[in-house]
Amino acid sequence: MSTVPFDAPFEHFARWFAEAKAKEPSLPEAMSVATATRDGKPSSRLVLLKDFDRRGFVFYTNFESRKGEELAANPQAALCFHWKSVLRQVRIEGAVEVVSAAEADAYFASRPRGAQIGAWASPQSRAYGERTELERRNAEAAARFGTAPVPRPPFWSGFRVVPDLFEFWEDRPYRLHDRMIYRRAGEAWQTERLFP
């Protein structure tokens, strides 16, 4: 086991992410997000990474969605990126925090207008009857805002996963894959390799 500087796993991720963006045919920013209820019942889904830096990895959602409610009750998450085109996977685990209102407002303002209206129209993860109900709600939200700017809903924001563990996995012949772990150790990281 050795110790590396705080930026090391973020720089490792940035290199691999750049290579994935150059080669992955569709959505290299797609990642699974695993959350759990307060009593530990897990769930997982794919979302899109919208930002990352040394503070963590950001995605956006409705606070009233299943993942939003689970993160409010149990603010821990695991992320997984799988890039088939480069035969690599990255797992990230850590505590979760809500992004600042300024960050959420800036990202929401950058979204296409239809997506902004859709955030108001859809009570995410709630059951409904016919498709026409969603379409009606969307039309009502569009009429409500007319041509005015669409503000960010108070129930919609971003979550930042603050890593305490990274695992970088790379395919190698004969299943002798390379697995590198970074575990947070204060303002540095302990690294070690795992048997595949």
N, C-alpha and C. Protein backbone atom coordinates (compact mmCIF):
# COMPACT_ATOMS: atom_id res chain seq x y z
N MET A 1 0.85 -1.18 0.00
CA MET A 1 0.00 0.00 0.00
C MET A 1 0.89 1.24 0.00
N SER A 2 0.53 2.23 -0.81
CA SER A 2 1.29 3.47 -0.85
C SER A 2 0.33 4.66 -0.75
N THR A 3 0.87 5.84 -0.50
CA THR A 3 0.08 7.06 -0.37
C THR A 3 0.37 7.97 -1.56
N VAL A 4 -0.71 8.56 -2.10
CA VAL A 4 -0.56 9.47 -3.23
C VAL A 4 -1.28 10.78 -2.91
N PRO A 5 -0.96 11.87 -3.62
CA PRO A 5 -1.59 13.17 -3.35
C PRO A 5 -3.10 13.16 -3.60
N PHE A 6 -3.78 14.15 -3.03
CA PHE A 6 -5.24 14.20 -3.09
C PHE A 6 -5.76 14.21 -4.52
N ASP A 7 -5.10 14.90 -5.44
CA ASP A 7 -5.62 15.02 -6.81
C ASP A 7 -5.44 13.75 -7.64
N ALA A 8 -4.65 12.79 -7.17
CA ALA A 8 -4.29 11.63 -8.00
C ALA A 8 -5.48 10.87 -8.59
N PRO A 9 -6.49 10.44 -7.79
CA PRO A 9 -7.57 9.68 -8.41
C PRO A 9 -8.44 10.51 -9.35
N PHE A 10 -8.56 11.82 -9.06
CA PHE A 10 -9.34 12.69 -9.94
C PHE A 10 -8.63 12.85 -11.29
N GLU A 11 -7.29 12.96 -11.26
CA GLU A 11 -6.52 13.05 -12.50
C GLU A 11 -6.59 11.73 -13.26
N HIS A 12 -6.55 10.60 -12.54
CA HIS A 12 -6.69 9.28 -13.16
C HIS A 12 -8.05 9.19 -13.86
N PHE A 13 -9.11 9.59 -13.15
CA PHE A 13 -10.44 9.57 -13.75
C PHE A 13 -10.51 10.48 -14.98
N ALA A 14 -9.96 11.68 -14.88
CA ALA A 14 -10.02 12.63 -16.00
C ALA A 14 -9.35 12.06 -17.24
N ARG A 15 -8.22 11.38 -17.08
CA ARG A 15 -7.54 10.76 -18.23
C ARG A 15 -8.41 9.68 -18.87
N TRP A 16 -8.94 8.80 -18.02
CA TRP A 16 -9.76 7.72 -18.56
C TRP A 16 -11.06 8.26 -19.18
N PHE A 17 -11.65 9.26 -18.56
CA PHE A 17 -12.90 9.83 -19.08
C PHE A 17 -12.64 10.48 -20.44
N ALA A 18 -11.53 11.17 -20.59
CA ALA A 18 -11.20 11.78 -21.88
C ALA A 18 -11.04 10.71 -22.96
N GLU A 19 -10.38 9.60 -22.62
CA GLU A 19 -10.23 8.52 -23.58
C GLU A 19 -11.57 7.88 -23.92
N ALA A 20 -12.43 7.73 -22.93
CA ALA A 20 -13.76 7.17 -23.17
C ALA A 20 -14.58 8.11 -24.06
N LYS A 21 -14.50 9.41 -23.81
CA LYS A 21 -15.25 10.37 -24.64
C LYS A 21 -14.79 10.34 -26.09
N ALA A 22 -13.50 10.04 -26.31
CA ALA A 22 -12.97 9.98 -27.67
C ALA A 22 -13.40 8.71 -28.40
N LYS A 23 -13.72 7.64 -27.65
CA LYS A 23 -13.98 6.35 -28.29
C LYS A 23 -15.37 5.77 -28.05
N GLU A 24 -16.01 6.12 -26.95
CA GLU A 24 -17.31 5.53 -26.62
C GLU A 24 -18.37 6.10 -27.56
N PRO A 25 -19.12 5.26 -28.28
CA PRO A 25 -20.04 5.77 -29.30
C PRO A 25 -21.24 6.53 -28.74
N SER A 26 -21.62 6.28 -27.52
CA SER A 26 -22.82 6.92 -26.99
C SER A 26 -22.72 7.12 -25.49
N LEU A 27 -22.90 8.35 -25.04
CA LEU A 27 -23.03 8.71 -23.63
C LEU A 27 -21.94 8.17 -22.72
N PRO A 28 -20.69 8.55 -22.94
CA PRO A 28 -19.64 8.12 -22.01
C PRO A 28 -19.86 8.66 -20.60
N GLU A 29 -20.70 9.67 -20.46
CA GLU A 29 -21.00 10.25 -19.15
C GLU A 29 -22.08 9.48 -18.39
N ALA A 30 -22.63 8.43 -19.00
CA ALA A 30 -23.63 7.61 -18.31
C ALA A 30 -22.98 6.83 -17.18
N MET A 31 -23.65 6.84 -16.03
CA MET A 31 -23.13 6.12 -14.86
C MET A 31 -24.30 5.55 -14.09
N SER A 32 -24.09 4.41 -13.49
CA SER A 32 -25.11 3.89 -12.60
C SER A 32 -24.92 4.58 -11.24
N VAL A 33 -26.05 4.87 -10.60
CA VAL A 33 -26.04 5.43 -9.26
C VAL A 33 -26.81 4.47 -8.37
N ALA A 34 -26.12 3.90 -7.39
CA ALA A 34 -26.75 3.01 -6.42
C ALA A 34 -26.99 3.77 -5.13
N THR A 35 -28.22 3.69 -4.65
CA THR A 35 -28.61 4.30 -3.39
C THR A 35 -29.29 3.23 -2.55
N ALA A 36 -29.61 3.58 -1.31
CA ALA A 36 -30.30 2.62 -0.44
C ALA A 36 -31.21 3.38 0.51
N THR A 37 -32.26 2.70 0.94
CA THR A 37 -33.14 3.27 1.95
C THR A 37 -32.40 3.33 3.29
N ARG A 38 -33.02 3.97 4.26
CA ARG A 38 -32.41 4.08 5.58
C ARG A 38 -32.09 2.69 6.16
N ASP A 39 -32.95 1.69 5.84
CA ASP A 39 -32.73 0.34 6.37
C ASP A 39 -31.93 -0.55 5.41
N GLY A 40 -31.36 0.03 4.36
CA GLY A 40 -30.41 -0.70 3.54
C GLY A 40 -30.94 -1.36 2.28
N LYS A 41 -32.20 -1.16 1.90
CA LYS A 41 -32.71 -1.76 0.66
C LYS A 41 -32.16 -0.97 -0.53
N PRO A 42 -31.37 -1.62 -1.41
CA PRO A 42 -30.70 -0.89 -2.47
C PRO A 42 -31.55 -0.70 -3.72
N SER A 43 -31.19 0.29 -4.52
CA SER A 43 -31.73 0.46 -5.86
C SER A 43 -30.65 1.11 -6.71
N SER A 44 -30.75 0.91 -8.02
CA SER A 44 -29.74 1.42 -8.93
C SER A 44 -30.41 1.87 -10.21
N ARG A 45 -29.84 2.89 -10.85
CA ARG A 45 -30.34 3.39 -12.12
C ARG A 45 -29.22 4.13 -12.83
N LEU A 46 -29.39 4.37 -14.13
CA LEU A 46 -28.41 5.13 -14.90
C LEU A 46 -28.81 6.60 -14.92
N VAL A 47 -27.84 7.47 -14.72
CA VAL A 47 -28.01 8.91 -14.86
C VAL A 47 -26.79 9.43 -15.62
N LEU A 48 -26.77 10.74 -15.88
CA LEU A 48 -25.65 11.34 -16.59
C LEU A 48 -24.81 12.20 -15.66
N LEU A 49 -23.52 12.00 -15.71
CA LEU A 49 -22.59 12.85 -14.99
C LEU A 49 -22.62 14.23 -15.63
N LYS A 50 -22.84 15.26 -14.83
CA LYS A 50 -22.92 16.63 -15.36
C LYS A 50 -21.71 17.47 -15.02
N ASP A 51 -20.96 17.09 -14.00
CA ASP A 51 -19.77 17.85 -13.64
C ASP A 51 -18.93 17.00 -12.70
N PHE A 52 -17.63 17.22 -12.72
CA PHE A 52 -16.78 16.63 -11.69
C PHE A 52 -15.55 17.50 -11.52
N ASP A 53 -15.07 17.52 -10.30
CA ASP A 53 -13.82 18.18 -9.95
C ASP A 53 -13.35 17.54 -8.65
N ARG A 54 -12.38 18.12 -8.00
CA ARG A 54 -11.83 17.48 -6.80
C ARG A 54 -12.83 17.46 -5.64
N ARG A 55 -13.96 18.19 -5.77
CA ARG A 55 -15.00 18.13 -4.73
C ARG A 55 -15.88 16.91 -4.89
N GLY A 56 -16.02 16.38 -6.12
CA GLY A 56 -16.86 15.22 -6.32
C GLY A 56 -17.51 15.18 -7.69
N PHE A 57 -18.52 14.29 -7.81
CA PHE A 57 -19.18 13.95 -9.07
C PHE A 57 -20.65 14.31 -8.99
N VAL A 58 -21.15 15.12 -9.92
CA VAL A 58 -22.46 15.75 -9.81
C VAL A 58 -23.45 15.19 -10.83
N PHE A 59 -24.66 14.92 -10.36
CA PHE A 59 -25.80 14.62 -11.24
C PHE A 59 -27.01 15.37 -10.69
N TYR A 60 -28.04 15.50 -11.52
CA TYR A 60 -29.23 16.28 -11.14
C TYR A 60 -30.47 15.40 -11.17
N THR A 61 -31.42 15.73 -10.30
CA THR A 61 -32.65 14.96 -10.23
C THR A 61 -33.71 15.70 -9.44
N ASN A 62 -34.87 15.11 -9.37
CA ASN A 62 -35.98 15.60 -8.56
C ASN A 62 -35.79 15.07 -7.14
N PHE A 63 -35.86 15.95 -6.15
CA PHE A 63 -35.72 15.51 -4.75
C PHE A 63 -36.78 14.48 -4.36
N GLU A 64 -37.94 14.51 -5.07
CA GLU A 64 -39.05 13.62 -4.72
C GLU A 64 -39.00 12.30 -5.49
N SER A 65 -37.97 12.11 -6.32
CA SER A 65 -37.79 10.82 -7.00
C SER A 65 -37.33 9.79 -5.98
N ARG A 66 -37.34 8.53 -6.37
CA ARG A 66 -36.89 7.49 -5.44
C ARG A 66 -35.45 7.74 -5.00
N LYS A 67 -34.56 8.07 -5.95
CA LYS A 67 -33.16 8.30 -5.56
C LYS A 67 -33.04 9.53 -4.68
N GLY A 68 -33.83 10.57 -4.98
CA GLY A 68 -33.80 11.77 -4.15
C GLY A 68 -34.23 11.49 -2.72
N GLU A 69 -35.30 10.72 -2.57
CA GLU A 69 -35.79 10.39 -1.23
C GLU A 69 -34.81 9.48 -0.49
N GLU A 70 -34.22 8.51 -1.22
CA GLU A 70 -33.24 7.63 -0.57
C GLU A 70 -32.00 8.39 -0.14
N LEU A 71 -31.55 9.32 -0.97
CA LEU A 71 -30.36 10.10 -0.60
C LEU A 71 -30.64 11.05 0.57
N ALA A 72 -31.87 11.53 0.69
CA ALA A 72 -32.21 12.36 1.84
C ALA A 72 -32.18 11.52 3.12
N ALA A 73 -32.62 10.27 3.04
CA ALA A 73 -32.66 9.40 4.22
C ALA A 73 -31.32 8.75 4.52
N ASN A 74 -30.53 8.49 3.48
CA ASN A 74 -29.26 7.78 3.63
C ASN A 74 -28.27 8.39 2.64
N PRO A 75 -27.59 9.48 3.01
CA PRO A 75 -26.77 10.24 2.05
C PRO A 75 -25.43 9.58 1.70
N GLN A 76 -25.51 8.37 1.17
CA GLN A 76 -24.35 7.64 0.66
C GLN A 76 -24.74 7.09 -0.71
N ALA A 77 -23.76 7.02 -1.62
CA ALA A 77 -24.05 6.48 -2.95
C ALA A 77 -22.82 5.81 -3.52
N ALA A 78 -23.06 4.96 -4.52
CA ALA A 78 -22.00 4.34 -5.30
C ALA A 78 -22.27 4.62 -6.77
N LEU A 79 -21.23 4.99 -7.48
CA LEU A 79 -21.32 5.24 -8.92
C LEU A 79 -20.53 4.17 -9.66
N CYS A 80 -20.94 3.89 -10.88
CA CYS A 80 -20.17 2.96 -11.71
C CYS A 80 -20.24 3.42 -13.16
N PHE A 81 -19.07 3.63 -13.76
CA PHE A 81 -18.94 3.92 -15.18
C PHE A 81 -18.42 2.65 -15.84
N HIS A 82 -19.01 2.26 -16.97
CA HIS A 82 -18.52 1.10 -17.72
C HIS A 82 -18.38 1.53 -19.17
N TRP A 83 -17.15 1.55 -19.64
CA TRP A 83 -16.86 1.97 -21.01
C TRP A 83 -16.38 0.77 -21.81
N LYS A 84 -17.30 0.15 -22.56
CA LYS A 84 -16.98 -1.06 -23.31
C LYS A 84 -15.93 -0.79 -24.38
N SER A 85 -15.97 0.40 -24.98
CA SER A 85 -15.06 0.70 -26.09
C SER A 85 -13.61 0.72 -25.67
N VAL A 86 -13.33 1.02 -24.40
CA VAL A 86 -11.94 1.04 -23.92
C VAL A 86 -11.69 -0.05 -22.88
N LEU A 87 -12.70 -0.91 -22.66
CA LEU A 87 -12.58 -2.06 -21.74
C LEU A 87 -12.17 -1.63 -20.33
N ARG A 88 -12.89 -0.61 -19.83
CA ARG A 88 -12.57 -0.09 -18.50
C ARG A 88 -13.85 0.16 -17.71
N GLN A 89 -13.66 0.16 -16.40
CA GLN A 89 -14.75 0.46 -15.47
C GLN A 89 -14.17 1.28 -14.31
N VAL A 90 -14.96 2.23 -13.83
CA VAL A 90 -14.57 2.99 -12.64
C VAL A 90 -15.73 2.94 -11.66
N ARG A 91 -15.42 2.55 -10.42
CA ARG A 91 -16.40 2.59 -9.34
C ARG A 91 -15.98 3.69 -8.36
N ILE A 92 -16.99 4.42 -7.85
CA ILE A 92 -16.75 5.50 -6.89
C ILE A 92 -17.77 5.36 -5.78
N GLU A 93 -17.33 5.46 -4.53
CA GLU A 93 -18.23 5.41 -3.38
C GLU A 93 -17.98 6.62 -2.51
N GLY A 94 -19.06 7.12 -1.86
CA GLY A 94 -18.86 8.22 -0.94
C GLY A 94 -20.14 8.81 -0.41
N ALA A 95 -19.95 9.80 0.44
CA ALA A 95 -21.07 10.55 0.99
C ALA A 95 -21.63 11.47 -0.08
N VAL A 96 -22.87 11.89 0.11
CA VAL A 96 -23.55 12.72 -0.87
C VAL A 96 -23.98 14.02 -0.23
N GLU A 97 -23.82 15.11 -0.97
CA GLU A 97 -24.29 16.42 -0.52
C GLU A 97 -25.05 17.09 -1.66
N VAL A 98 -25.93 18.00 -1.32
CA VAL A 98 -26.68 18.76 -2.32
C VAL A 98 -25.79 19.88 -2.83
N VAL A 99 -25.79 20.12 -4.14
CA VAL A 99 -24.99 21.21 -4.69
C VAL A 99 -25.58 22.54 -4.25
N SER A 100 -24.83 23.61 -4.40
CA SER A 100 -25.32 24.93 -4.02
C SER A 100 -26.46 25.35 -4.95
N ALA A 101 -27.30 26.27 -4.46
CA ALA A 101 -28.39 26.79 -5.28
C ALA A 101 -27.84 27.45 -6.54
N ALA A 102 -26.72 28.15 -6.42
CA ALA A 102 -26.14 28.81 -7.59
C ALA A 102 -25.72 27.79 -8.65
N GLU A 103 -25.11 26.68 -8.22
CA GLU A 103 -24.72 25.63 -9.17
C GLU A 103 -25.95 25.04 -9.86
N ALA A 104 -26.98 24.74 -9.06
CA ALA A 104 -28.20 24.14 -9.62
C ALA A 104 -28.88 25.10 -10.58
N ASP A 105 -28.96 26.38 -10.19
CA ASP A 105 -29.59 27.38 -11.06
C ASP A 105 -28.85 27.49 -12.39
N ALA A 106 -27.51 27.53 -12.33
CA ALA A 106 -26.72 27.66 -13.55
C ALA A 106 -26.91 26.46 -14.46
N TYR A 107 -26.90 25.25 -13.89
CA TYR A 107 -27.09 24.09 -14.73
C TYR A 107 -28.51 24.06 -15.31
N PHE A 108 -29.52 24.34 -14.47
CA PHE A 108 -30.90 24.32 -14.94
C PHE A 108 -31.08 25.31 -16.10
N ALA A 109 -30.48 26.49 -15.99
CA ALA A 109 -30.59 27.50 -17.04
C ALA A 109 -29.96 27.04 -18.35
N SER A 110 -28.99 26.11 -18.28
CA SER A 110 -28.31 25.62 -19.48
C SER A 110 -29.10 24.53 -20.20
N ARG A 111 -30.14 23.99 -19.56
CA ARG A 111 -30.89 22.89 -20.15
C ARG A 111 -31.81 23.39 -21.26
N PRO A 112 -32.15 22.54 -22.23
CA PRO A 112 -33.13 22.94 -23.24
C PRO A 112 -34.47 23.30 -22.57
N ARG A 113 -35.18 24.25 -23.16
CA ARG A 113 -36.43 24.72 -22.57
C ARG A 113 -37.41 23.57 -22.33
N GLY A 114 -37.48 22.62 -23.27
CA GLY A 114 -38.38 21.49 -23.09
C GLY A 114 -38.06 20.67 -21.85
N ALA A 115 -36.77 20.51 -21.57
CA ALA A 115 -36.36 19.77 -20.37
C ALA A 115 -36.68 20.57 -19.11
N GLN A 116 -36.56 21.89 -19.18
CA GLN A 116 -36.92 22.73 -18.04
C GLN A 116 -38.42 22.59 -17.72
N ILE A 117 -39.23 22.65 -18.76
CA ILE A 117 -40.68 22.52 -18.57
C ILE A 117 -41.02 21.11 -18.08
N GLY A 118 -40.35 20.11 -18.63
CA GLY A 118 -40.58 18.74 -18.21
C GLY A 118 -40.30 18.52 -16.73
N ALA A 119 -39.32 19.24 -16.19
CA ALA A 119 -39.02 19.12 -14.75
C ALA A 119 -40.20 19.57 -13.90
N TRP A 120 -40.90 20.60 -14.36
CA TRP A 120 -42.10 21.07 -13.65
C TRP A 120 -43.28 20.13 -13.85
N ALA A 121 -43.36 19.52 -15.04
CA ALA A 121 -44.54 18.73 -15.41
C ALA A 121 -44.57 17.34 -14.79
N SER A 122 -43.40 16.78 -14.49
CA SER A 122 -43.34 15.37 -14.11
C SER A 122 -43.03 15.19 -12.62
N PRO A 123 -43.99 14.70 -11.84
CA PRO A 123 -43.68 14.32 -10.46
C PRO A 123 -42.92 12.98 -10.47
N GLN A 124 -41.63 13.07 -10.68
CA GLN A 124 -40.79 11.91 -10.99
C GLN A 124 -40.99 10.76 -10.01
N SER A 125 -41.05 9.57 -10.56
CA SER A 125 -41.19 8.30 -9.83
C SER A 125 -42.59 8.04 -9.29
N ARG A 126 -43.55 8.93 -9.55
CA ARG A 126 -44.92 8.72 -9.10
C ARG A 126 -45.72 8.03 -10.21
N ALA A 127 -46.64 7.17 -9.84
CA ALA A 127 -47.45 6.45 -10.82
C ALA A 127 -48.50 7.37 -11.45
N TYR A 128 -48.83 7.09 -12.71
CA TYR A 128 -49.93 7.79 -13.36
C TYR A 128 -50.61 6.84 -14.34
N GLY A 129 -51.78 7.26 -14.86
CA GLY A 129 -52.59 6.37 -15.69
C GLY A 129 -52.15 6.32 -17.14
N GLU A 130 -52.69 7.21 -17.95
CA GLU A 130 -52.42 7.20 -19.39
C GLU A 130 -51.34 8.21 -19.76
N ARG A 131 -50.69 7.96 -20.88
CA ARG A 131 -49.67 8.87 -21.39
C ARG A 131 -50.22 10.29 -21.55
N THR A 132 -51.49 10.38 -21.86
CA THR A 132 -52.11 11.69 -22.05
C THR A 132 -52.02 12.56 -20.79
N GLU A 133 -51.96 11.94 -19.62
CA GLU A 133 -51.84 12.72 -18.38
C GLU A 133 -50.51 13.45 -18.33
N LEU A 134 -49.43 12.77 -18.71
CA LEU A 134 -48.12 13.41 -18.74
C LEU A 134 -48.10 14.51 -19.80
N GLU A 135 -48.66 14.24 -20.96
CA GLU A 135 -48.70 15.24 -22.02
C GLU A 135 -49.52 16.46 -21.60
N ARG A 136 -50.65 16.23 -20.88
CA ARG A 136 -51.46 17.34 -20.39
C ARG A 136 -50.69 18.18 -19.39
N ARG A 137 -50.03 17.52 -18.46
CA ARG A 137 -49.24 18.25 -17.45
C ARG A 137 -48.13 19.06 -18.11
N ASN A 138 -47.51 18.49 -19.15
CA ASN A 138 -46.45 19.20 -19.85
C ASN A 138 -47.00 20.44 -20.57
N ALA A 139 -48.16 20.28 -21.22
CA ALA A 139 -48.79 21.42 -21.91
C ALA A 139 -49.18 22.51 -20.91
N GLU A 140 -49.69 22.11 -19.74
CA GLU A 140 -50.05 23.08 -18.71
C GLU A 140 -48.83 23.85 -18.21
N ALA A 141 -47.72 23.14 -18.01
CA ALA A 141 -46.49 23.81 -17.56
C ALA A 141 -45.98 24.76 -18.64
N ALA A 142 -46.04 24.34 -19.89
CA ALA A 142 -45.59 25.21 -20.99
C ALA A 142 -46.45 26.46 -21.05
N ALA A 143 -47.76 26.31 -20.88
CA ALA A 143 -48.66 27.48 -20.91
C ALA A 143 -48.40 28.38 -19.71
N ARG A 144 -48.13 27.81 -18.58
CA ARG A 144 -47.87 28.58 -17.35
C ARG A 144 -46.71 29.55 -17.53
N PHE A 145 -45.65 29.08 -18.19
CA PHE A 145 -44.46 29.92 -18.34
C PHE A 145 -44.47 30.74 -19.62
N GLY A 146 -45.30 30.36 -20.60
CA GLY A 146 -45.36 31.12 -21.84
C GLY A 146 -43.98 31.27 -22.46
N THR A 147 -43.58 32.52 -22.71
CA THR A 147 -42.25 32.78 -23.28
C THR A 147 -41.27 33.28 -22.21
N ALA A 148 -41.72 33.34 -20.96
CA ALA A 148 -40.86 33.80 -19.87
C ALA A 148 -39.79 32.76 -19.55
N PRO A 149 -38.68 33.17 -18.95
CA PRO A 149 -37.68 32.18 -18.52
C PRO A 149 -38.31 31.20 -17.52
N VAL A 150 -37.88 29.95 -17.59
CA VAL A 150 -38.41 28.91 -16.70
C VAL A 150 -37.48 28.81 -15.49
N PRO A 151 -37.99 29.10 -14.29
CA PRO A 151 -37.13 29.01 -13.11
C PRO A 151 -36.94 27.55 -12.70
N ARG A 152 -35.89 27.31 -11.95
CA ARG A 152 -35.64 25.96 -11.43
C ARG A 152 -36.69 25.63 -10.37
N PRO A 153 -37.32 24.46 -10.47
CA PRO A 153 -38.29 24.06 -9.43
C PRO A 153 -37.60 23.90 -8.08
N PRO A 154 -38.28 24.22 -6.99
CA PRO A 154 -37.66 24.07 -5.67
C PRO A 154 -37.39 22.61 -5.30
N PHE A 155 -38.03 21.68 -6.01
CA PHE A 155 -37.87 20.26 -5.72
C PHE A 155 -36.85 19.59 -6.65
N TRP A 156 -36.08 20.39 -7.38
CA TRP A 156 -35.14 19.87 -8.37
C TRP A 156 -33.77 20.48 -8.13
N SER A 157 -32.74 19.64 -8.03
CA SER A 157 -31.39 20.14 -7.81
C SER A 157 -30.37 19.06 -8.13
N GLY A 158 -29.16 19.27 -7.68
CA GLY A 158 -28.10 18.33 -7.95
C GLY A 158 -27.55 17.71 -6.69
N PHE A 159 -26.97 16.53 -6.85
CA PHE A 159 -26.27 15.85 -5.77
C PHE A 159 -24.82 15.69 -6.18
N ARG A 160 -23.94 15.85 -5.22
CA ARG A 160 -22.51 15.64 -5.43
C ARG A 160 -22.07 14.44 -4.59
N VAL A 161 -21.51 13.43 -5.24
CA VAL A 161 -20.92 12.30 -4.53
C VAL A 161 -19.48 12.67 -4.21
N VAL A 162 -19.18 12.73 -2.93
CA VAL A 162 -17.85 13.11 -2.45
C VAL A 162 -17.08 11.81 -2.19
N PRO A 163 -16.14 11.47 -3.04
CA PRO A 163 -15.55 10.12 -2.98
C PRO A 163 -14.72 9.87 -1.72
N ASP A 164 -14.87 8.66 -1.20
CA ASP A 164 -13.90 8.16 -0.22
C ASP A 164 -13.26 6.87 -0.74
N LEU A 165 -13.72 6.41 -1.92
CA LEU A 165 -13.12 5.24 -2.57
C LEU A 165 -13.28 5.34 -4.08
N PHE A 166 -12.22 5.03 -4.79
CA PHE A 166 -12.24 4.84 -6.24
C PHE A 166 -11.71 3.44 -6.52
N GLU A 167 -12.29 2.78 -7.52
CA GLU A 167 -11.68 1.57 -8.07
C GLU A 167 -11.61 1.71 -9.57
N PHE A 168 -10.40 1.58 -10.11
CA PHE A 168 -10.17 1.63 -11.55
C PHE A 168 -9.89 0.20 -12.01
N TRP A 169 -10.73 -0.29 -12.92
CA TRP A 169 -10.64 -1.66 -13.43
C TRP A 169 -10.36 -1.61 -14.92
N GLU A 170 -9.40 -2.41 -15.37
CA GLU A 170 -9.08 -2.46 -16.79
C GLU A 170 -8.93 -3.91 -17.23
N ASP A 171 -9.59 -4.22 -18.34
CA ASP A 171 -9.57 -5.58 -18.88
C ASP A 171 -8.16 -5.95 -19.33
N ARG A 172 -7.76 -7.18 -19.00
CA ARG A 172 -6.48 -7.71 -19.44
C ARG A 172 -6.71 -9.14 -19.91
N PRO A 173 -5.83 -9.67 -20.76
CA PRO A 173 -6.03 -11.04 -21.27
C PRO A 173 -6.06 -12.09 -20.16
N TYR A 174 -6.77 -13.15 -20.44
CA TYR A 174 -6.86 -14.33 -19.57
C TYR A 174 -7.44 -13.99 -18.19
N ARG A 175 -8.26 -12.95 -18.16
CA ARG A 175 -8.94 -12.52 -16.94
C ARG A 175 -7.96 -12.05 -15.85
N LEU A 176 -6.77 -11.66 -16.26
CA LEU A 176 -5.79 -11.12 -15.31
C LEU A 176 -5.94 -9.59 -15.29
N HIS A 177 -7.16 -9.16 -14.99
CA HIS A 177 -7.50 -7.74 -15.05
C HIS A 177 -6.71 -6.93 -14.04
N ASP A 178 -6.59 -5.65 -14.34
CA ASP A 178 -5.89 -4.72 -13.45
C ASP A 178 -6.93 -3.98 -12.60
N ARG A 179 -6.78 -4.02 -11.29
CA ARG A 179 -7.70 -3.33 -10.38
C ARG A 179 -6.88 -2.48 -9.40
N MET A 180 -7.09 -1.17 -9.46
CA MET A 180 -6.40 -0.22 -8.58
C MET A 180 -7.43 0.47 -7.70
N ILE A 181 -7.17 0.44 -6.39
CA ILE A 181 -8.06 1.07 -5.41
C ILE A 181 -7.37 2.31 -4.83
N TYR A 182 -8.16 3.38 -4.67
CA TYR A 182 -7.75 4.56 -3.91
C TYR A 182 -8.72 4.69 -2.74
N ARG A 183 -8.23 4.69 -1.51
CA ARG A 183 -9.06 4.92 -0.32
C ARG A 183 -8.61 6.22 0.33
N ARG A 184 -9.60 7.07 0.64
CA ARG A 184 -9.27 8.37 1.23
C ARG A 184 -8.59 8.18 2.58
N ALA A 185 -7.52 8.95 2.77
CA ALA A 185 -6.78 8.96 4.03
C ALA A 185 -6.50 10.43 4.36
N GLY A 186 -7.51 11.11 4.88
CA GLY A 186 -7.39 12.54 5.15
C GLY A 186 -7.28 13.33 3.87
N GLU A 187 -6.19 14.06 3.69
CA GLU A 187 -5.99 14.85 2.48
C GLU A 187 -5.09 14.13 1.47
N ALA A 188 -5.05 12.81 1.55
CA ALA A 188 -4.30 11.99 0.59
C ALA A 188 -5.11 10.72 0.36
N TRP A 189 -4.53 9.78 -0.38
CA TRP A 189 -5.19 8.52 -0.70
C TRP A 189 -4.21 7.38 -0.49
N GLN A 190 -4.70 6.29 0.07
CA GLN A 190 -3.94 5.04 0.13
C GLN A 190 -4.30 4.25 -1.12
N THR A 191 -3.31 3.72 -1.80
CA THR A 191 -3.56 2.94 -3.00
C THR A 191 -3.11 1.51 -2.82
N GLU A 192 -3.80 0.60 -3.48
CA GLU A 192 -3.39 -0.79 -3.50
C GLU A 192 -4.00 -1.47 -4.70
N ARG A 193 -3.43 -2.57 -5.10
CA ARG A 193 -3.98 -3.36 -6.19
C ARG A 193 -4.73 -4.55 -5.60
N LEU A 194 -5.83 -4.93 -6.29
CA LEU A 194 -6.63 -6.07 -5.88
C LEU A 194 -6.48 -7.20 -6.90
N PHE A 195 -6.48 -8.42 -6.42
CA PHE A 195 -6.54 -9.56 -7.34
C PHE A 195 -7.84 -9.46 -8.13
N PRO A 196 -7.79 -9.82 -9.42
CA PRO A 196 -9.01 -9.71 -10.24
C PRO A 196 -10.06 -10.75 -9.90
